[in-house]
Amino acid sequence: MLVPCVASTPKDTGVRSGVGPDFANLPQRPPTFDGMSQPITLQGEPVETLRQFLGYIKTSQGRNGMVRLSADAPGDIAAPFIRAVMRRQAQLLRADADQIDVGHGESRTHEQRRADAFVDLGAGIDAALNYFPPSQGSER
């Protein structure tokens, strides 16, 4: 399943032109709560599945210094990631809606909100994988 993820400027993401995020260095283990069998979830999806999706992301440089992210991931890995991004987008939209007042319109575009949701999700995946240490004898 080909999944177009995000297109944003380096200014929006903090990523320099032509350089994509480094998702390859995330820990390679499924996180669980202190040895329990229930996986950690983020936005209702298993963190391990979301982490797997990050391995399919490719970056390219577009026009005007835009960094484009795309992924060609299997549906069983892409669908949970898309759902998680959409859920985070919905949270951001609701927060943005609460900020609208007389004289103050929408603070960001749909595309900016999607990019912000993607970055938030990546940070959440990283935090979950680093917060729950591996059990003794296993490696990250």
Foldseek 3Di string as FASTA:
>chain_A
DKFWAAKDACVLVVAFQPDDDDLVPADQDFDDDPPDPDGDDAQRHGLNLQSVQVVQWDWDADPPRIITIMGDDDPVSVVVNVSRLVSQLVVVVVVQVVVDDVVDDRDDDSNSSSVVSVVVSVVVSRCRSVVRDDDPPDDD
